[in-house]
């Protein structure tokens, strides 16, 4: 069961995301503060994170930037889920290291599909890394 941390300060959005992911079989933790989210990510090492750009104390972009320079966290997929709609906001998040960028309001089915793709890609990367030396991919 994949473990996902959701950093979202809007309780209604957090509940929709949490319920959508739990119904799909994921374990979900919700944090409403940016600095607390980074602490939880460091402590729990989840399979994926979903980050709002606008969080108290630390933005989602700052969190993903910290994750990408941390040896233990850099491979964790990060989806930005935000009300920020400008292309420059998206560019900033992607440049910081976000894997995907989704705007609010969002379709829960599209959110779930995006989460599944990111988790599958991360799983496939780990499987390739564990391949014995000299083994060929088929």
Protein backbone atom coordinates (compact mmCIF):
# COMPACT_ATOMS: atom_id res chain seq x y z
CA UNK A 1 0.00 0.00 0.00
CA UNK A 2 1.67 3.24 -1.13
CA UNK A 3 2.08 5.90 1.56
CA UNK A 4 1.33 9.48 0.52
CA UNK A 5 1.78 12.71 2.47
CA UNK A 6 -0.57 15.55 1.50
CA UNK A 7 0.47 19.07 2.51
CA UNK A 8 -2.66 21.18 2.15
CA UNK A 9 -3.97 23.95 4.40
CA UNK A 10 -7.52 23.98 2.99
CA UNK A 11 -9.40 21.36 5.02
CA UNK A 12 -12.01 20.71 2.31
CA UNK A 13 -9.42 20.16 -0.42
CA UNK A 14 -7.36 17.99 1.94
CA UNK A 15 -10.42 15.87 2.71
CA UNK A 16 -11.25 15.38 -0.99
CA UNK A 17 -7.66 14.38 -1.78
CA UNK A 18 -7.42 12.10 1.26
CA UNK A 19 -10.74 10.36 0.60
CA UNK A 20 -9.97 9.88 -3.11
CA UNK A 21 -6.60 8.28 -2.36
CA UNK A 22 -7.84 6.13 0.54
CA UNK A 23 -10.68 4.76 -1.62
CA UNK A 24 -8.02 3.75 -4.16
CA UNK A 25 -6.09 1.82 -1.49
CA UNK A 26 -3.41 4.33 -0.52
CA UNK A 27 -2.36 5.23 3.02
CA UNK A 28 -2.60 9.00 3.43
CA UNK A 29 -1.37 11.50 6.00
CA UNK A 30 -2.41 15.16 5.86
CA UNK A 31 -0.33 18.06 7.17
CA UNK A 32 -1.46 21.71 7.05
CA UNK A 33 1.86 23.52 7.57
CA UNK A 34 4.86 23.57 5.24
CA UNK A 35 7.64 23.17 7.81
CA UNK A 36 5.69 20.42 9.58
CA UNK A 37 5.18 18.71 6.22
CA UNK A 38 8.92 18.63 5.55
CA UNK A 39 9.53 17.22 9.04
CA UNK A 40 6.95 14.47 8.43
CA UNK A 41 8.40 13.70 4.98
CA UNK A 42 11.88 13.36 6.52
CA UNK A 43 10.60 11.14 9.34
CA UNK A 44 8.24 8.91 7.34
CA UNK A 45 9.92 8.76 3.89
CA UNK A 46 6.59 8.36 2.02
CA UNK A 47 6.23 6.88 -1.45
CA UNK A 48 4.91 10.22 -2.74
CA UNK A 49 4.00 13.75 -1.67
CA UNK A 50 1.26 16.10 -2.82
CA UNK A 51 2.05 19.73 -2.04
CA UNK A 52 0.07 22.96 -2.15
CA UNK A 53 2.18 25.92 -3.26
CA UNK A 54 0.74 28.24 -0.62
CA UNK A 55 1.29 26.76 2.83
CA UNK A 56 1.94 28.49 6.14
CA UNK A 57 5.63 28.74 7.17
CA UNK A 58 7.06 27.12 4.02
CA UNK A 59 5.73 26.91 0.46
CA UNK A 60 5.33 23.71 -1.50
CA UNK A 61 8.04 24.92 -3.88
CA UNK A 62 10.44 25.37 -0.94
CA UNK A 63 9.58 21.88 0.30
CA UNK A 64 10.24 20.22 -3.04
CA UNK A 65 13.48 22.19 -3.42
CA UNK A 66 14.64 20.87 -0.02
CA UNK A 67 13.62 17.34 -0.98
CA UNK A 68 15.66 17.44 -4.19
CA UNK A 69 18.88 18.31 -2.34
CA UNK A 70 18.35 15.73 0.41
CA UNK A 71 20.03 12.38 -0.30
CA UNK A 72 17.24 10.46 1.46
CA UNK A 73 14.34 12.31 -0.19
CA UNK A 74 15.39 13.29 -3.70
CA UNK A 75 13.69 10.34 -5.42
CA UNK A 76 10.25 10.78 -3.82
CA UNK A 77 7.73 11.89 -6.48
CA UNK A 78 6.18 15.31 -5.82
CA UNK A 79 2.89 16.53 -7.26
CA UNK A 80 2.07 20.21 -6.86
CA UNK A 81 -1.68 20.72 -6.36
CA UNK A 82 -2.36 24.44 -6.30
CA UNK A 83 -4.69 27.32 -7.07
CA UNK A 84 -1.81 29.19 -8.72
CA UNK A 85 -2.59 29.23 -12.42
CA UNK A 86 0.14 31.26 -14.09
CA UNK A 87 2.68 29.63 -16.35
CA UNK A 88 5.49 31.26 -14.35
CA UNK A 89 4.24 29.59 -11.14
CA UNK A 90 4.21 26.23 -12.89
CA UNK A 91 7.68 26.83 -14.34
CA UNK A 92 9.00 27.74 -10.88
CA UNK A 93 7.58 24.57 -9.32
CA UNK A 94 8.86 22.33 -12.10
CA UNK A 95 12.30 23.96 -12.01
CA UNK A 96 12.41 23.37 -8.23
CA UNK A 97 11.89 19.66 -8.89
CA UNK A 98 8.15 18.94 -8.94
CA UNK A 99 7.24 15.93 -11.07
CA UNK A 100 3.76 17.18 -11.99
CA UNK A 101 1.69 20.33 -11.57
CA UNK A 102 -2.10 20.24 -11.20
CA UNK A 103 -4.36 23.25 -10.83
CA UNK A 104 -7.35 23.63 -8.50
CA UNK A 105 -10.18 23.04 -8.95
CA UNK A 106 -9.22 19.51 -9.98
CA UNK A 107 -10.95 16.34 -11.08
CA UNK A 108 -10.41 13.62 -8.44
CA UNK A 109 -10.21 10.98 -11.19
CA UNK A 110 -7.44 12.91 -12.93
CA UNK A 111 -5.66 13.35 -9.60
CA UNK A 112 -5.80 9.61 -8.99
CA UNK A 113 -4.57 8.84 -12.51
CA UNK A 114 -1.64 11.23 -12.09
CA UNK A 115 -0.76 9.76 -8.69
CA UNK A 116 -0.84 6.24 -10.14
CA UNK A 117 1.47 7.24 -13.02
CA UNK A 118 3.98 8.88 -10.67
CA UNK A 119 3.97 5.91 -8.29
CA UNK A 120 4.42 3.46 -11.19
CA UNK A 121 7.31 5.48 -12.63
CA UNK A 122 9.01 5.63 -9.21
CA UNK A 123 8.53 1.87 -8.71
CA UNK A 124 9.95 1.13 -12.17
CA UNK A 125 13.00 3.33 -11.49
CA UNK A 126 13.69 1.49 -8.24
CA UNK A 127 13.33 -1.88 -9.96
CA UNK A 128 15.88 -0.86 -12.60
CA UNK A 129 18.32 0.28 -9.92
CA UNK A 130 18.09 -3.10 -8.19
CA UNK A 131 18.87 -5.05 -11.36
CA UNK A 132 22.08 -7.08 -11.04
CA UNK A 133 25.16 -5.71 -12.79
CA UNK A 134 25.29 -6.93 -16.36
CA UNK A 135 21.56 -7.74 -16.52
CA UNK A 136 19.79 -6.46 -19.60
CA UNK A 137 16.36 -4.90 -19.72
CA UNK A 138 13.97 -6.72 -22.03
